[in-house]
Amino acid sequence: LIGLPLELYNNSGWLCWYAPYPKGCLSNNSCTRGKSSNTIRWIHYGIVWSAIFFVTITLFLIFLHVRRQEARSQHISNYVPSRQESSRSFVGTLMQRRRSSEESRKNRQMSRQVAIQSMLYITPLYLTWSFTTLTRIYQTSFDQDSFSLLLLMGIFYPLQGFWNAFIYVRPRFLNEKKKRRRHIASSTRSFFGDALNSTVNTNDHTDNHTTIHNSNNKRTQAGTMAGDLEDSDS
């Protein structure tokens, strides 16, 4: 709103923004509008780049914190107990090492995810505002426009919303992808498990049938031998 009473809104290359009017009037001090436009511009860009640097530093500190947790877990997993501790709780030590190793592996995965998500988050900010800032620096320094910078600014500046949507949707997409893989793996294990159980049950049934048949044969042979013995006695 401050631009309205100060008459700051004028032709600024490819959009209506803070700019002096007429174009090129700053060189001979003949501006009829927007005399303080450059000052307001750099206040605006100072606020924007301060926010970008703050976000960059914050994400970097978060990544360092995750890495420290990762190193701590790795240190615990590499702990070698003394002989006395080993003789007392050898099994407990092995279980603790196993849990620590799994936690360290999970932390490494987490640090990678934090690094990737952080880079994806801050890269569009730099792409969006770098060409815009360079365009304003060129306009202030040479009092004219650069077609190449205006073109890059026109391409990347409107894409800020697209990159933001992509960045925030990506974790949900990855979670759904993991769930789908787990479901496929669970279905595969269930299928092969059922097939194995069916095979085992079939073999057990065959073995039981064979056992019963052999038992009946033994009974028949025993009865035959008993009959022969009675005939010989008589």
Protein backbone atom coordinates (compact mmCIF):
# COMPACT_ATOMS: atom_id res chain seq x y z
CA LEU A 1 0.00 0.00 0.00
CA ILE A 2 2.91 2.35 0.55
CA GLY A 3 3.52 2.40 -3.19
CA LEU A 4 0.20 4.07 -3.97
CA PRO A 5 0.71 7.44 -2.23
CA LEU A 6 4.41 7.53 -3.23
CA GLU A 7 3.54 6.77 -6.88
CA LEU A 8 5.97 3.84 -7.01
CA TYR A 9 3.98 1.51 -9.28
CA ASN A 10 5.16 1.88 -12.88
CA ASN A 11 6.47 -0.18 -15.79
CA SER A 12 9.21 -2.40 -14.35
CA GLY A 13 10.24 -4.42 -17.39
CA TRP A 14 7.56 -7.08 -17.78
CA LEU A 15 5.26 -6.22 -14.87
CA CYS A 16 3.89 -3.30 -12.88
CA TRP A 17 6.05 -2.84 -9.81
CA TYR A 18 8.33 -0.38 -8.04
CA ALA A 19 10.08 1.53 -10.82
CA PRO A 20 10.94 5.13 -11.82
CA TYR A 21 8.95 6.84 -14.57
CA PRO A 22 9.63 7.64 -17.33
CA LYS A 23 12.10 4.89 -18.09
CA GLY A 24 15.72 5.99 -17.78
CA CYS A 25 14.87 9.16 -15.88
CA LEU A 26 17.26 8.47 -13.01
CA SER A 27 20.30 9.30 -15.12
CA ASN A 28 19.20 12.92 -15.66
CA ASN A 29 16.98 13.26 -12.57
CA SER A 30 13.84 13.89 -14.62
CA CYS A 31 11.50 11.38 -12.97
CA THR A 32 7.89 12.40 -12.56
CA ARG A 33 6.93 9.24 -10.59
CA GLY A 34 8.74 6.68 -8.44
CA LYS A 35 11.74 8.75 -7.39
CA SER A 36 12.27 6.59 -4.29
CA SER A 37 11.47 3.30 -6.02
CA ASN A 38 15.04 1.95 -5.84
CA THR A 39 15.18 2.45 -2.07
CA ILE A 40 11.89 0.60 -1.54
CA ARG A 41 13.07 -2.14 -3.90
CA TRP A 42 16.17 -2.92 -1.86
CA ILE A 43 14.24 -2.84 1.40
CA HIS A 44 11.91 -5.41 -0.14
CA TYR A 45 14.75 -7.63 -1.39
CA GLY A 46 16.58 -7.26 1.92
CA ILE A 47 13.57 -8.72 3.72
CA VAL A 48 13.19 -11.52 1.16
CA TRP A 49 16.85 -12.58 1.23
CA SER A 50 16.98 -12.35 5.03
CA ALA A 51 14.10 -14.83 5.17
CA ILE A 52 15.81 -17.11 2.62
CA PHE A 53 19.10 -17.11 4.55
CA PHE A 54 17.22 -17.75 7.80
CA VAL A 55 15.48 -20.77 6.28
CA THR A 56 18.78 -22.07 4.85
CA ILE A 57 20.58 -21.81 8.19
CA THR A 58 17.66 -23.38 10.06
CA LEU A 59 17.52 -26.38 7.72
CA PHE A 60 21.28 -26.80 7.94
CA LEU A 61 21.11 -26.83 11.75
CA ILE A 62 18.34 -29.41 11.64
CA PHE A 63 20.49 -31.59 9.38
CA LEU A 64 23.47 -31.25 11.75
CA HIS A 65 21.27 -32.25 14.70
CA VAL A 66 20.14 -35.39 12.89
CA ARG A 67 23.74 -36.21 11.98
CA ARG A 68 24.80 -35.86 15.62
CA GLN A 69 22.08 -38.27 16.67
CA GLU A 70 23.30 -40.61 13.95
CA ALA A 71 26.91 -40.41 15.17
CA ARG A 72 25.78 -41.01 18.76
CA SER A 73 23.87 -44.12 17.77
CA GLN A 74 26.85 -45.34 15.76
CA HIS A 75 29.11 -44.82 18.78
CA ILE A 76 26.79 -46.88 20.96
CA SER A 77 26.64 -49.68 18.38
CA ASN A 78 30.46 -49.80 18.24
CA TYR A 79 30.81 -50.04 22.06
CA VAL A 80 33.00 -53.00 23.12
CA PRO A 81 32.16 -54.33 26.62
CA SER A 82 34.78 -55.43 29.11
CA ARG A 83 35.40 -59.11 29.93
CA GLN A 84 33.42 -58.85 33.14
CA GLU A 85 30.47 -57.27 31.35
CA SER A 86 30.72 -59.85 28.59
CA SER A 87 30.69 -62.75 31.06
CA ARG A 88 27.72 -61.31 32.91
CA SER A 89 25.42 -60.29 30.09
CA PHE A 90 26.73 -61.55 26.78
CA VAL A 91 23.28 -62.10 25.31
CA GLY A 92 22.04 -58.73 26.57
CA THR A 93 25.03 -56.99 24.99
CA LEU A 94 24.38 -58.66 21.65
CA MET A 95 20.74 -57.61 21.76
CA GLN A 96 21.74 -54.04 22.62
CA ARG A 97 24.21 -53.97 19.74
CA ARG A 98 21.60 -55.24 17.35
CA ARG A 99 19.08 -52.60 18.44
CA SER A 100 21.72 -49.87 18.23
CA SER A 101 22.75 -50.99 14.76
CA GLU A 102 19.14 -50.89 13.57
CA GLU A 103 18.68 -47.43 15.10
CA SER A 104 21.88 -46.20 13.44
CA ARG A 105 20.70 -47.47 10.06
CA LYS A 106 17.35 -45.73 10.54
CA ASN A 107 19.11 -42.51 11.53
CA ARG A 108 21.26 -42.63 8.40
CA GLN A 109 18.12 -42.95 6.34
CA MET A 110 16.57 -40.07 8.25
CA SER A 111 19.59 -37.79 7.71
CA ARG A 112 19.47 -38.53 3.99
CA GLN A 113 15.77 -37.74 3.86
CA VAL A 114 16.31 -34.50 5.79
CA ALA A 115 19.13 -33.45 3.45
CA ILE A 116 17.13 -34.21 0.30
CA GLN A 117 13.98 -32.51 1.54
CA SER A 118 15.96 -29.46 2.69
CA MET A 119 17.69 -29.09 -0.66
CA LEU A 120 14.39 -29.46 -2.47
CA TYR A 121 12.86 -26.83 -0.23
CA ILE A 122 15.55 -24.13 -0.52
CA THR A 123 16.58 -24.64 -4.16
CA PRO A 124 13.31 -23.22 -5.59
CA LEU A 125 13.70 -20.20 -3.32
CA TYR A 126 17.10 -19.42 -4.82
CA LEU A 127 15.89 -20.12 -8.36
CA THR A 128 12.84 -17.92 -7.86
CA TRP A 129 14.55 -14.91 -6.34
CA SER A 130 18.06 -15.02 -7.85
CA PHE A 131 17.02 -14.02 -11.37
CA THR A 132 14.56 -11.47 -10.02
CA THR A 133 17.26 -9.86 -7.87
CA LEU A 134 19.82 -9.92 -10.70
CA THR A 135 17.28 -8.23 -12.95
CA ARG A 136 16.78 -5.42 -10.44
CA ILE A 137 20.54 -5.05 -9.94
CA TYR A 138 21.02 -4.75 -13.70
CA GLN A 139 18.23 -2.19 -14.00
CA THR A 140 19.64 -0.12 -11.14
CA SER A 141 23.24 -0.28 -12.41
CA PHE A 142 22.66 0.37 -16.12
CA ASP A 143 19.24 2.07 -16.04
CA GLN A 144 17.93 -0.33 -18.71
CA ASP A 145 16.52 -3.85 -19.03
CA SER A 146 18.26 -7.12 -19.91
CA PHE A 147 16.15 -9.37 -22.11
CA SER A 148 17.94 -12.54 -20.93
CA LEU A 149 17.41 -11.75 -17.25
CA LEU A 150 13.81 -10.74 -17.85
CA LEU A 151 13.23 -14.04 -19.68
CA LEU A 152 14.71 -16.11 -16.84
CA MET A 153 12.78 -14.07 -14.32
CA GLY A 154 9.56 -14.62 -16.29
CA ILE A 155 10.19 -18.39 -16.36
CA PHE A 156 11.21 -19.11 -12.75
CA TYR A 157 9.33 -16.50 -10.77
CA PRO A 158 5.80 -17.79 -11.60
CA LEU A 159 6.89 -21.39 -10.89
CA GLN A 160 7.32 -20.78 -7.18
CA GLY A 161 3.87 -22.17 -6.39
CA PHE A 162 4.48 -25.26 -8.54
CA TRP A 163 7.74 -26.09 -6.77
CA ASN A 164 6.12 -25.57 -3.37
CA ALA A 165 3.28 -27.93 -4.28
CA PHE A 166 5.77 -30.55 -5.54
CA ILE A 167 7.90 -30.31 -2.38
CA TYR A 168 4.98 -30.67 0.02
CA VAL A 169 3.31 -33.50 -1.94
CA ARG A 170 6.54 -35.51 -2.32
CA PRO A 171 6.64 -36.96 1.27
CA ARG A 172 3.04 -38.13 0.96
CA PHE A 173 3.81 -39.75 -2.38
CA LEU A 174 6.83 -41.55 -0.89
CA ASN A 175 4.75 -42.78 2.07
CA GLU A 176 2.08 -44.14 -0.23
CA LYS A 177 4.79 -45.82 -2.31
CA LYS A 178 6.24 -47.49 0.81
CA LYS A 179 2.80 -48.67 1.88
CA ARG A 180 2.21 -50.16 -1.54
CA ARG A 181 5.56 -52.00 -1.45
CA ARG A 182 4.80 -53.34 2.02
CA HIS A 183 1.38 -54.51 0.87
CA ILE A 184 2.88 -56.28 -2.15
CA ALA A 185 5.58 -57.88 0.01
CA SER A 186 2.99 -58.97 2.59
CA SER A 187 0.75 -60.43 -0.13
CA THR A 188 3.70 -62.28 -1.65
CA ARG A 189 4.73 -63.75 1.72
CA SER A 190 1.13 -64.74 2.41
CA PHE A 191 0.83 -66.44 -0.98
CA PHE A 192 4.03 -68.45 -0.63
CA GLY A 193 3.20 -69.18 3.01
CA ASP A 194 -0.17 -70.63 2.06
CA ALA A 195 1.42 -72.65 -0.73
CA LEU A 196 4.05 -74.02 1.65
CA ASN A 197 1.47 -74.90 4.29
CA SER A 198 -0.61 -76.66 1.66
CA THR A 199 2.43 -78.69 0.57
CA VAL A 200 3.29 -79.57 4.15
CA ASN A 201 -0.30 -80.63 4.89
CA THR A 202 -0.36 -82.78 1.74
CA ASN A 203 2.89 -84.47 2.73
CA ASP A 204 1.58 -85.03 6.26
CA HIS A 205 -1.60 -86.58 4.89
CA THR A 206 0.42 -88.84 2.58
CA ASP A 207 2.69 -89.88 5.45
CA ASN A 208 -0.31 -90.62 7.68
CA HIS A 209 -1.93 -92.69 4.93
CA THR A 210 1.32 -94.61 4.39
CA THR A 211 1.66 -95.22 8.14
CA ILE A 212 -1.91 -96.55 8.42
CA HIS A 213 -1.39 -98.81 5.40
CA ASN A 214 1.84 -100.21 6.84
CA SER A 215 0.15 -100.75 10.20
CA ASN A 216 -2.66 -102.69 8.53
CA ASN A 217 -0.15 -104.82 6.63
CA LYS A 218 1.69 -105.61 9.85
CA ARG A 219 -1.57 -106.64 11.52
CA THR A 220 -2.44 -108.91 8.57
CA GLN A 221 1.00 -110.53 8.66
CA ALA A 222 0.71 -111.03 12.42
CA GLY A 223 -2.70 -112.69 12.00
CA THR A 224 -1.37 -114.99 9.27
CA MET A 225 1.59 -116.04 11.42
CA ALA A 226 -0.73 -116.75 14.38
CA GLY A 227 -2.94 -118.94 12.15
CA ASP A 228 0.06 -120.88 10.89
CA LEU A 229 1.24 -121.50 14.46
CA GLU A 230 -2.20 -122.84 15.46
CA ASP A 231 -2.26 -125.20 12.45
CA SER A 232 1.15 -126.53 13.29
CA ASP A 233 0.17 -127.14 16.95
CA SER A 234 -2.93 -129.06 15.93
